[in-house]
Every structure is written in structure tokens, then in C-alpha cells.
PDB file of N, CA and C in Angstrom:
ATOM      1  N   UNK A   1       0.792  -1.145  -0.042  1.00  0.00           N
ATOM      2  CA  UNK A   1      -0.039   0.017   0.006  1.00  0.00           C
ATOM      3  C   UNK A   1       0.895   1.241   0.004  1.00  0.00           C
ATOM      4  N   UNK A   2       0.652   2.151  -0.970  1.00  0.00           N
ATOM      5  CA  UNK A   2       1.449   3.374  -0.973  1.00  0.00           C
ATOM      6  C   UNK A   2       0.878   4.412  -0.049  1.00  0.00           C
ATOM      7  N   UNK A   3       1.766   5.270   0.415  1.00  0.00           N
ATOM      8  CA  UNK A   3       1.361   6.375   1.350  1.00  0.00           C
ATOM      9  C   UNK A   3       0.890   7.538   0.550  1.00  0.00           C
ATOM     10  N   UNK A   4      -0.335   7.972   0.819  1.00  0.00           N
ATOM     11  CA  UNK A   4      -0.826   9.179   0.142  1.00  0.00           C
ATOM     12  C   UNK A   4      -0.075  10.388   0.551  1.00  0.00           C
ATOM     13  N   UNK A   5       0.200  11.338  -0.335  1.00  0.00           N
ATOM     14  CA  UNK A   5       0.918  12.553  -0.073  1.00  0.00           C
ATOM     15  C   UNK A   5      -0.110  13.735  -0.080  1.00  0.00           C
ATOM     16  N   UNK A   6       0.096  14.544   0.926  1.00  0.00           N
ATOM     17  CA  UNK A   6      -0.768  15.713   1.138  1.00  0.00           C
ATOM     18  C   UNK A   6       0.039  17.043   0.911  1.00  0.00           C
ATOM     19  N   UNK A   7      -0.728  18.142   0.797  1.00  0.00           N
ATOM     20  CA  UNK A   7      -0.104  19.457   0.648  1.00  0.00           C
ATOM     21  C   UNK A   7      -0.241  20.282   1.873  1.00  0.00           C
ATOM     22  N   UNK A   8       0.692  21.246   2.123  1.00  0.00           N
ATOM     23  CA  UNK A   8       0.555  22.182   3.186  1.00  0.00           C
ATOM     24  C   UNK A   8      -0.792  22.935   2.983  1.00  0.00           C
ATOM     25  N   UNK A   9      -1.538  23.095   4.038  1.00  0.00           N
ATOM     26  CA  UNK A   9      -2.866  23.725   3.964  1.00  0.00           C
ATOM     27  C   UNK A   9      -4.021  22.734   3.924  1.00  0.00           C
ATOM     28  N   UNK A  10      -3.734  21.441   3.652  1.00  0.00           N
ATOM     29  CA  UNK A  10      -4.776  20.445   3.617  1.00  0.00           C
ATOM     30  C   UNK A  10      -5.272  20.154   5.134  1.00  0.00           C
ATOM     31  N   UNK A  11      -6.605  19.862   5.151  1.00  0.00           N
ATOM     32  CA  UNK A  11      -7.128  19.363   6.415  1.00  0.00           C
ATOM     33  C   UNK A  11      -7.366  17.942   6.272  1.00  0.00           C
ATOM     34  N   UNK A  12      -6.932  17.107   7.254  1.00  0.00           N
ATOM     35  CA  UNK A  12      -6.995  15.722   7.177  1.00  0.00           C
ATOM     36  C   UNK A  12      -7.795  15.194   8.318  1.00  0.00           C
ATOM     37  N   UNK A  13      -8.777  14.318   8.033  1.00  0.00           N
ATOM     38  CA  UNK A  13      -9.541  13.736   9.161  1.00  0.00           C
ATOM     39  C   UNK A  13      -8.875  12.463   9.655  1.00  0.00           C
ATOM     40  N   UNK A  14      -8.476  12.483  10.908  1.00  0.00           N
ATOM     41  CA  UNK A  14      -7.917  11.317  11.545  1.00  0.00           C
ATOM     42  C   UNK A  14      -8.995  10.513  12.270  1.00  0.00           C
ATOM     43  N   UNK A  15      -9.262   9.349  11.900  1.00  0.00           N
ATOM     44  CA  UNK A  15     -10.342   8.524  12.464  1.00  0.00           C
ATOM     45  C   UNK A  15      -9.858   7.292  13.159  1.00  0.00           C
ATOM     46  N   UNK A  16     -10.625   6.845  14.128  1.00  0.00           N
ATOM     47  CA  UNK A  16     -10.249   5.561  14.773  1.00  0.00           C
ATOM     48  C   UNK A  16     -11.578   4.901  15.160  1.00  0.00           C
ATOM     49  N   UNK A  17     -11.528   3.546  15.206  1.00  0.00           N
ATOM     50  CA  UNK A  17     -12.637   2.710  15.689  1.00  0.00           C
ATOM     51  C   UNK A  17     -12.103   1.834  16.706  1.00  0.00           C
ATOM     52  N   UNK A  18     -12.762   1.873  17.944  1.00  0.00           N
ATOM     53  CA  UNK A  18     -12.378   1.010  19.060  1.00  0.00           C
ATOM     54  C   UNK A  18     -13.387  -0.107  19.101  1.00  0.00           C
ATOM     55  N   UNK A  19     -12.890  -1.350  19.328  1.00  0.00           N
ATOM     56  CA  UNK A  19     -13.763  -2.519  19.438  1.00  0.00           C
ATOM     57  C   UNK A  19     -13.387  -3.331  20.644  1.00  0.00           C
ATOM     58  N   UNK A  20     -14.314  -4.035  21.250  1.00  0.00           N
ATOM     59  CA  UNK A  20     -13.981  -4.932  22.353  1.00  0.00           C
ATOM     60  C   UNK A  20     -13.522  -6.268  21.776  1.00  0.00           C
ATOM     61  N   UNK A  21     -13.287  -7.208  22.663  1.00  0.00           N
ATOM     62  CA  UNK A  21     -12.726  -8.493  22.216  1.00  0.00           C
ATOM     63  C   UNK A  21     -13.607  -9.298  21.259  1.00  0.00           C
ATOM     64  N   UNK A  22     -14.899  -9.038  21.294  1.00  0.00           N
ATOM     65  CA  UNK A  22     -15.772  -9.729  20.327  1.00  0.00           C
ATOM     66  C   UNK A  22     -16.140  -8.907  19.164  1.00  0.00           C
ATOM     67  N   UNK A  23     -15.356  -7.909  18.914  1.00  0.00           N
ATOM     68  CA  UNK A  23     -15.426  -7.048  17.700  1.00  0.00           C
ATOM     69  C   UNK A  23     -16.699  -6.138  17.673  1.00  0.00           C
ATOM     70  N   UNK A  24     -17.145  -5.817  18.834  1.00  0.00           N
ATOM     71  CA  UNK A  24     -18.322  -4.808  18.934  1.00  0.00           C
ATOM     72  C   UNK A  24     -17.734  -3.470  19.249  1.00  0.00           C
ATOM     73  N   UNK A  25     -18.161  -2.500  18.429  1.00  0.00           N
ATOM     74  CA  UNK A  25     -17.609  -1.141  18.678  1.00  0.00           C
ATOM     75  C   UNK A  25     -18.095  -0.629  19.998  1.00  0.00           C
ATOM     76  N   UNK A  26     -17.129  -0.137  20.799  1.00  0.00           N
ATOM     77  CA  UNK A  26     -17.411   0.289  22.133  1.00  0.00           C
ATOM     78  C   UNK A  26     -16.398   1.406  22.588  1.00  0.00           C
ATOM     79  N   UNK A  27     -16.879   2.226  23.524  1.00  0.00           N
ATOM     80  CA  UNK A  27     -16.013   3.309  24.005  1.00  0.00           C
ATOM     81  C   UNK A  27     -14.966   2.831  25.050  1.00  0.00           C
ATOM     82  N   UNK A  28     -13.747   3.284  24.959  1.00  0.00           N
ATOM     83  CA  UNK A  28     -12.775   3.006  25.937  1.00  0.00           C
ATOM     84  C   UNK A  28     -13.011   3.959  27.207  1.00  0.00           C
ATOM     85  N   UNK A  29     -12.348   3.718  28.229  1.00  0.00           N
ATOM     86  CA  UNK A  29     -12.353   4.553  29.405  1.00  0.00           C
ATOM     87  C   UNK A  29     -11.891   6.007  29.052  1.00  0.00           C
ATOM     88  N   UNK A  30     -10.714   6.019  28.381  1.00  0.00           N
ATOM     89  CA  UNK A  30     -10.114   7.308  27.893  1.00  0.00           C
ATOM     90  C   UNK A  30      -9.691   7.094  26.400  1.00  0.00           C
ATOM     91  N   UNK A  31      -9.742   8.173  25.656  1.00  0.00           N
ATOM     92  CA  UNK A  31      -9.302   8.193  24.315  1.00  0.00           C
ATOM     93  C   UNK A  31      -8.236   9.265  24.207  1.00  0.00           C
ATOM     94  N   UNK A  32      -7.073   8.936  23.744  1.00  0.00           N
ATOM     95  CA  UNK A  32      -5.965   9.823  23.582  1.00  0.00           C
ATOM     96  C   UNK A  32      -5.464   9.823  22.148  1.00  0.00           C
ATOM     97  N   UNK A  33      -5.120  11.035  21.670  1.00  0.00           N
ATOM     98  CA  UNK A  33      -4.520  11.151  20.299  1.00  0.00           C
ATOM     99  C   UNK A  33      -3.230  11.953  20.491  1.00  0.00           C
ATOM    100  N   UNK A  34      -2.152  11.399  19.903  1.00  0.00           N
ATOM    101  CA  UNK A  34      -0.870  12.141  19.927  1.00  0.00           C
ATOM    102  C   UNK A  34      -0.521  12.423  18.492  1.00  0.00           C
ATOM    103  N   UNK A  35      -0.119  13.742  18.278  1.00  0.00           N
ATOM    104  CA  UNK A  35       0.304  14.163  16.867  1.00  0.00           C
ATOM    105  C   UNK A  35       1.689  14.730  17.016  1.00  0.00           C
ATOM    106  N   UNK A  36       2.599  14.301  16.078  1.00  0.00           N
ATOM    107  CA  UNK A  36       3.920  14.759  16.025  1.00  0.00           C
ATOM    108  C   UNK A  36       4.199  15.436  14.685  1.00  0.00           C
ATOM    109  N   UNK A  37       4.688  16.643  14.737  1.00  0.00           N
ATOM    110  CA  UNK A  37       4.973  17.377  13.521  1.00  0.00           C
ATOM    111  C   UNK A  37       6.361  16.990  12.946  1.00  0.00           C
ATOM    112  N   UNK A  38       6.622  17.359  11.734  1.00  0.00           N
ATOM    113  CA  UNK A  38       8.022  17.098  11.173  1.00  0.00           C
ATOM    114  C   UNK A  38       9.171  17.556  11.971  1.00  0.00           C
ATOM    115  N   UNK A  39       8.885  18.596  12.860  1.00  0.00           N
ATOM    116  CA  UNK A  39       9.933  19.213  13.663  1.00  0.00           C
ATOM    117  C   UNK A  39       9.983  18.463  15.033  1.00  0.00           C
ATOM    118  N   UNK A  40       9.246  17.361  15.147  1.00  0.00           N
ATOM    119  CA  UNK A  40       9.144  16.500  16.278  1.00  0.00           C
ATOM    120  C   UNK A  40       8.520  17.217  17.501  1.00  0.00           C
ATOM    121  N   UNK A  41       7.562  18.160  17.282  1.00  0.00           N
ATOM    122  CA  UNK A  41       6.745  18.770  18.279  1.00  0.00           C
ATOM    123  C   UNK A  41       5.600  17.860  18.505  1.00  0.00           C
ATOM    124  N   UNK A  42       5.347  17.327  19.716  1.00  0.00           N
ATOM    125  CA  UNK A  42       4.337  16.372  19.996  1.00  0.00           C
ATOM    126  C   UNK A  42       3.207  17.097  20.765  1.00  0.00           C
ATOM    127  N   UNK A  43       1.974  16.901  20.369  1.00  0.00           N
ATOM    128  CA  UNK A  43       0.780  17.453  21.059  1.00  0.00           C
ATOM    129  C   UNK A  43      -0.080  16.291  21.374  1.00  0.00           C
ATOM    130  N   UNK A  44      -0.651  16.250  22.594  1.00  0.00           N
ATOM    131  CA  UNK A  44      -1.503  15.202  23.128  1.00  0.00           C
ATOM    132  C   UNK A  44      -2.891  15.776  23.243  1.00  0.00           C
ATOM    133  N   UNK A  45      -3.903  15.080  22.779  1.00  0.00           N
ATOM    134  CA  UNK A  45      -5.295  15.475  22.902  1.00  0.00           C
ATOM    135  C   UNK A  45      -6.071  14.379  23.670  1.00  0.00           C
ATOM    136  N   UNK A  46      -6.908  14.748  24.495  1.00  0.00           N
ATOM    137  CA  UNK A  46      -7.653  13.731  25.284  1.00  0.00           C
ATOM    138  C   UNK A  46      -9.198  14.066  25.112  1.00  0.00           C
ATOM    139  N   UNK A  47      -9.922  13.046  24.706  1.00  0.00           N
ATOM    140  CA  UNK A  47     -11.389  13.246  24.548  1.00  0.00           C
ATOM    141  C   UNK A  47     -12.027  13.611  25.874  1.00  0.00           C
ATOM    142  N   UNK A  48     -12.958  14.574  25.820  1.00  0.00           N
ATOM    143  CA  UNK A  48     -13.596  15.082  26.997  1.00  0.00           C
ATOM    144  C   UNK A  48     -12.875  16.245  27.676  1.00  0.00           C
ATOM    145  N   UNK A  49     -11.564  16.380  27.359  1.00  0.00           N
ATOM    146  CA  UNK A  49     -10.750  17.493  27.867  1.00  0.00           C
ATOM    147  C   UNK A  49     -10.608  18.503  26.707  1.00  0.00           C
ATOM    148  N   UNK A  50     -10.179  17.929  25.512  1.00  0.00           N
ATOM    149  CA  UNK A  50      -9.987  18.806  24.369  1.00  0.00           C
ATOM    150  C   UNK A  50     -11.154  18.629  23.433  1.00  0.00           C
ATOM    151  N   UNK A  51     -11.754  19.749  23.048  1.00  0.00           N
ATOM    152  CA  UNK A  51     -12.952  19.744  22.238  1.00  0.00           C
ATOM    153  C   UNK A  51     -12.632  19.363  20.732  1.00  0.00           C
ATOM    154  N   UNK A  52     -11.358  19.246  20.401  1.00  0.00           N
ATOM    155  CA  UNK A  52     -10.984  18.946  19.009  1.00  0.00           C
ATOM    156  C   UNK A  52     -11.269  17.425  18.622  1.00  0.00           C
ATOM    157  N   UNK A  53     -11.412  16.595  19.643  1.00  0.00           N
ATOM    158  CA  UNK A  53     -11.714  15.175  19.312  1.00  0.00           C
ATOM    159  C   UNK A  53     -13.240  15.080  19.363  1.00  0.00           C
ATOM    160  N   UNK A  54     -13.796  14.470  18.375  1.00  0.00           N
ATOM    161  CA  UNK A  54     -15.262  14.323  18.248  1.00  0.00           C
ATOM    162  C   UNK A  54     -15.632  12.855  18.315  1.00  0.00           C
ATOM    163  N   UNK A  55     -16.649  12.530  19.175  1.00  0.00           N
ATOM    164  CA  UNK A  55     -17.115  11.161  19.207  1.00  0.00           C
ATOM    165  C   UNK A  55     -18.336  11.138  18.238  1.00  0.00           C
ATOM    166  N   UNK A  56     -18.247  10.200  17.227  1.00  0.00           N
ATOM    167  CA  UNK A  56     -19.224  10.051  16.232  1.00  0.00           C
ATOM    168  C   UNK A  56     -20.347   9.030  16.552  1.00  0.00           C
ATOM    169  N   UNK A  57     -19.888   7.945  17.241  1.00  0.00           N
ATOM    170  CA  UNK A  57     -20.812   6.921  17.708  1.00  0.00           C
ATOM    171  C   UNK A  57     -20.054   6.040  18.639  1.00  0.00           C
ATOM    172  N   UNK A  58     -20.720   4.958  19.184  1.00  0.00           N
ATOM    173  CA  UNK A  58     -19.948   4.062  20.116  1.00  0.00           C
ATOM    174  C   UNK A  58     -18.688   3.611  19.439  1.00  0.00           C
ATOM    175  N   UNK A  59     -17.592   3.904  20.053  1.00  0.00           N
ATOM    176  CA  UNK A  59     -16.253   3.460  19.622  1.00  0.00           C
ATOM    177  C   UNK A  59     -15.614   4.196  18.511  1.00  0.00           C
ATOM    178  N   UNK A  60     -16.306   5.176  17.913  1.00  0.00           N
ATOM    179  CA  UNK A  60     -15.857   5.899  16.734  1.00  0.00           C
ATOM    180  C   UNK A  60     -15.561   7.385  17.083  1.00  0.00           C
ATOM    181  N   UNK A  61     -14.339   7.825  16.796  1.00  0.00           N
ATOM    182  CA  UNK A  61     -13.873   9.189  17.113  1.00  0.00           C
ATOM    183  C   UNK A  61     -13.059   9.654  15.922  1.00  0.00           C
ATOM    184  N   UNK A  62     -13.060  11.036  15.784  1.00  0.00           N
ATOM    185  CA  UNK A  62     -12.197  11.669  14.814  1.00  0.00           C
ATOM    186  C   UNK A  62     -11.620  12.970  15.243  1.00  0.00           C
ATOM    187  N   UNK A  63     -10.661  13.448  14.523  1.00  0.00           N
ATOM    188  CA  UNK A  63      -9.901  14.690  14.829  1.00  0.00           C
ATOM    189  C   UNK A  63      -9.573  15.261  13.454  1.00  0.00           C
ATOM    190  N   UNK A  64      -9.825  16.541  13.231  1.00  0.00           N
ATOM    191  CA  UNK A  64      -9.477  17.198  11.962  1.00  0.00           C
ATOM    192  C   UNK A  64      -8.161  17.994  12.163  1.00  0.00           C
ATOM    193  N   UNK A  65      -7.139  17.539  11.458  1.00  0.00           N
ATOM    194  CA  UNK A  65      -5.795  18.053  11.533  1.00  0.00           C
ATOM    195  C   UNK A  65      -5.519  18.958  10.369  1.00  0.00           C
ATOM    196  N   UNK A  66      -5.117  20.214  10.644  1.00  0.00           N
ATOM    197  CA  UNK A  66      -4.725  21.163   9.576  1.00  0.00           C
ATOM    198  C   UNK A  66      -3.262  21.117   9.469  1.00  0.00           C
ATOM    199  N   UNK A  67      -2.852  20.776   8.246  1.00  0.00           N
ATOM    200  CA  UNK A  67      -1.334  20.649   7.998  1.00  0.00           C
ATOM    201  C   UNK A  67      -0.760  21.971   7.694  1.00  0.00           C
ATOM    202  N   UNK A  68       0.285  22.344   8.415  1.00  0.00           N
ATOM    203  CA  UNK A  68       0.845  23.676   8.256  1.00  0.00           C
ATOM    204  C   UNK A  68       2.364  23.645   7.955  1.00  0.00           C
ATOM    205  N   UNK A  69       2.902  22.463   7.799  1.00  0.00           N
ATOM    206  CA  UNK A  69       4.321  22.347   7.391  1.00  0.00           C
ATOM    207  C   UNK A  69       4.558  21.059   6.573  1.00  0.00           C
ATOM    208  N   UNK A  70       5.576  21.074   5.745  1.00  0.00           N
ATOM    209  CA  UNK A  70       5.903  19.923   4.966  1.00  0.00           C
ATOM    210  C   UNK A  70       6.761  18.986   5.735  1.00  0.00           C
ATOM    211  N   UNK A  71       6.740  17.722   5.315  1.00  0.00           N
ATOM    212  CA  UNK A  71       7.526  16.618   5.966  1.00  0.00           C
ATOM    213  C   UNK A  71       6.722  15.506   6.438  1.00  0.00           C
ATOM    214  N   UNK A  72       7.316  14.629   7.227  1.00  0.00           N
ATOM    215  CA  UNK A  72       6.521  13.502   7.749  1.00  0.00           C
ATOM    216  C   UNK A  72       5.918  13.766   9.114  1.00  0.00           C
ATOM    217  N   UNK A  73       4.619  13.640   9.173  1.00  0.00           N
ATOM    218  CA  UNK A  73       3.825  13.795  10.396  1.00  0.00           C
ATOM    219  C   UNK A  73       3.522  12.399  10.892  1.00  0.00           C
ATOM    220  N   UNK A  74       3.326  12.185  12.242  1.00  0.00           N
ATOM    221  CA  UNK A  74       2.871  10.967  12.798  1.00  0.00           C
ATOM    222  C   UNK A  74       1.727  11.183  13.719  1.00  0.00           C
ATOM    223  N   UNK A  75       0.831  10.199  13.876  1.00  0.00           N
ATOM    224  CA  UNK A  75      -0.199  10.297  14.862  1.00  0.00           C
ATOM    225  C   UNK A  75      -0.447   8.887  15.464  1.00  0.00           C
ATOM    226  N   UNK A  76      -0.977   8.918  16.664  1.00  0.00           N
ATOM    227  CA  UNK A  76      -1.217   7.686  17.431  1.00  0.00           C
ATOM    228  C   UNK A  76      -2.514   7.831  18.238  1.00  0.00           C
ATOM    229  N   UNK A  77      -3.379   6.946  18.029  1.00  0.00           N
ATOM    230  CA  UNK A  77      -4.663   6.810  18.896  1.00  0.00           C
ATOM    231  C   UNK A  77      -4.396   5.792  19.961  1.00  0.00           C
ATOM    232  N   UNK A  78      -4.927   6.004  21.167  1.00  0.00           N
ATOM    233  CA  UNK A  78      -4.818   4.959  22.191  1.00  0.00           C
ATOM    234  C   UNK A  78      -6.101   5.085  23.033  1.00  0.00           C
ATOM    235  N   UNK A  79      -6.541   3.864  23.528  1.00  0.00           N
ATOM    236  CA  UNK A  79      -7.637   3.763  24.477  1.00  0.00           C
ATOM    237  C   UNK A  79      -7.242   3.025  25.696  1.00  0.00           C
ATOM    238  N   UNK A  80      -7.904   3.266  26.773  1.00  0.00           N
ATOM    239  CA  UNK A  80      -7.645   2.561  28.015  1.00  0.00           C
ATOM    240  C   UNK A  80      -8.931   1.939  28.560  1.00  0.00           C
ATOM    241  N   UNK A  81      -8.774   1.030  29.462  1.00  0.00           N
ATOM    242  CA  UNK A  81      -9.874   0.330  30.027  1.00  0.00           C
ATOM    243  C   UNK A  81     -10.041  -1.031  29.425  1.00  0.00           C
ATOM    244  N   UNK A  82     -11.228  -1.520  29.281  1.00  0.00           N
ATOM    245  CA  UNK A  82     -11.519  -2.839  28.636  1.00  0.00           C
ATOM    246  C   UNK A  82     -11.473  -2.836  27.110  1.00  0.00           C
ATOM    247  N   UNK A  83     -11.624  -1.601  26.553  1.00  0.00           N
ATOM    248  CA  UNK A  83     -11.470  -1.428  25.112  1.00  0.00           C
ATOM    249  C   UNK A  83     -10.241  -0.633  24.781  1.00  0.00           C
ATOM    250  N   UNK A  84      -9.290  -1.287  24.200  1.00  0.00           N
ATOM    251  CA  UNK A  84      -8.017  -0.633  23.954  1.00  0.00           C
ATOM    252  C   UNK A  84      -7.556  -0.754  22.486  1.00  0.00           C
ATOM    253  N   UNK A  85      -6.786   0.189  22.032  1.00  0.00           N
ATOM    254  CA  UNK A  85      -6.291   0.098  20.745  1.00  0.00           C
ATOM    255  C   UNK A  85      -5.028   0.974  20.707  1.00  0.00           C
ATOM    256  N   UNK A  86      -4.035   0.570  19.936  1.00  0.00           N
ATOM    257  CA  UNK A  86      -2.858   1.305  19.737  1.00  0.00           C
ATOM    258  C   UNK A  86      -2.586   1.377  18.258  1.00  0.00           C
ATOM    259  N   UNK A  87      -2.926   2.529  17.637  1.00  0.00           N
ATOM    260  CA  UNK A  87      -2.833   2.628  16.195  1.00  0.00           C
ATOM    261  C   UNK A  87      -1.910   3.783  15.870  1.00  0.00           C
ATOM    262  N   UNK A  88      -0.885   3.613  15.111  1.00  0.00           N
ATOM    263  CA  UNK A  88       0.067   4.656  14.726  1.00  0.00           C
ATOM    264  C   UNK A  88       0.131   4.719  13.235  1.00  0.00           C
ATOM    265  N   UNK A  89       0.086   5.922  12.694  1.00  0.00           N
ATOM    266  CA  UNK A  89       0.102   6.195  11.261  1.00  0.00           C
ATOM    267  C   UNK A  89       1.071   7.307  10.907  1.00  0.00           C
ATOM    268  N   UNK A  90       1.448   7.366   9.649  1.00  0.00           N
ATOM    269  CA  UNK A  90       2.356   8.378   9.113  1.00  0.00           C
ATOM    270  C   UNK A  90       1.648   9.144   8.039  1.00  0.00           C
ATOM    271  N   UNK A  91       1.872  10.476   8.021  1.00  0.00           N
ATOM    272  CA  UNK A  91       1.313  11.351   6.973  1.00  0.00           C
ATOM    273  C   UNK A  91       2.436  12.018   6.312  1.00  0.00           C
ATOM    274  N   UNK A  92       2.503  11.994   4.993  1.00  0.00           N
ATOM    275  CA  UNK A  92       3.550  12.604   4.235  1.00  0.00           C
ATOM    276  C   UNK A  92       3.007  13.901   3.561  1.00  0.00           C
ATOM    277  N   UNK A  93       3.699  15.035   3.821  1.00  0.00           N
ATOM    278  CA  UNK A  93       3.302  16.341   3.264  1.00  0.00           C
ATOM    279  C   UNK A  93       4.433  16.884   2.369  1.00  0.00           C
ATOM    280  N   UNK A  94       4.139  17.128   1.113  1.00  0.00           N
ATOM    281  CA  UNK A  94       5.206  17.551   0.224  1.00  0.00           C
ATOM    282  C   UNK A  94       5.475  19.071   0.348  1.00  0.00           C
ATOM    283  N   UNK A  95       6.702  19.417  -0.020  1.00  0.00           N
ATOM    284  CA  UNK A  95       7.098  20.747  -0.070  1.00  0.00           C
ATOM    285  C   UNK A  95       6.390  21.503  -1.210  1.00  0.00           C
ATOM    286  N   UNK A  96       6.089  22.725  -1.009  1.00  0.00           N
ATOM    287  CA  UNK A  96       5.385  23.568  -1.995  1.00  0.00           C
ATOM    288  C   UNK A  96       6.438  24.259  -2.876  1.00  0.00           C
ATOM    289  N   UNK A  97       6.197  24.392  -4.212  1.00  0.00           N
ATOM    290  CA  UNK A  97       7.061  25.122  -5.078  1.00  0.00           C
ATOM    291  C   UNK A  97       6.814  26.620  -4.969  1.00  0.00           C
ATOM    292  N   UNK A  98       5.771  27.022  -4.239  1.00  0.00           N
ATOM    293  CA  UNK A  98       5.412  28.414  -4.130  1.00  0.00           C
ATOM    294  C   UNK A  98       5.783  29.006  -2.741  1.00  0.00           C
TER     295      UNK A  98
END
């Protein structure tokens, strides 16, 4: 699978689905999202504390990320309690010629 490339100024929806052991979508005790910029600046968001994380339905959450610099971005979702997930992804943002 090839990595999609984005441009500076794009808004990207980061989504996650949490499931319990029998594959039923369910909410964890806490939902945390970590985002790291190409300059290795890490920001942590927690559902219920930060209004930027949206709960769409049982076990489904999203965050809209505005890309403001070129390079490789990383993000990681995590849940705690009986419903857990650890999902890490990379976002590639190309340099602008302008």
C-alpha cells in the first residue's frame, strides 16, 4: 500500500474505531490522540478535555488536523480500560514550489 501525499494547507480527518474482544464497537475509558509534526513537536489530545476530538458513535472518534508544514507527520490513537487500541500512522506532506 502506497502512502498518500498531502499538501501544506490540507485538512486531514484522523479517525479511529475502538472494538472490544468480540469485535463490537465500544468506548474505551479514555481516548488519547498524539500528533507529532516534522519538527518533532508532539501534542496530546484527550477526549472530554480537548474539544478537538469528536465522538461520532460508540467506539468511533475523529480529529481534523490542519497541515501547516511539509515533511513526515505521525499520529497515534490509544484507548484505556477494557476497550483498547494502539494505532500509529504516518502522513507525508510535500514541499510547495510556491
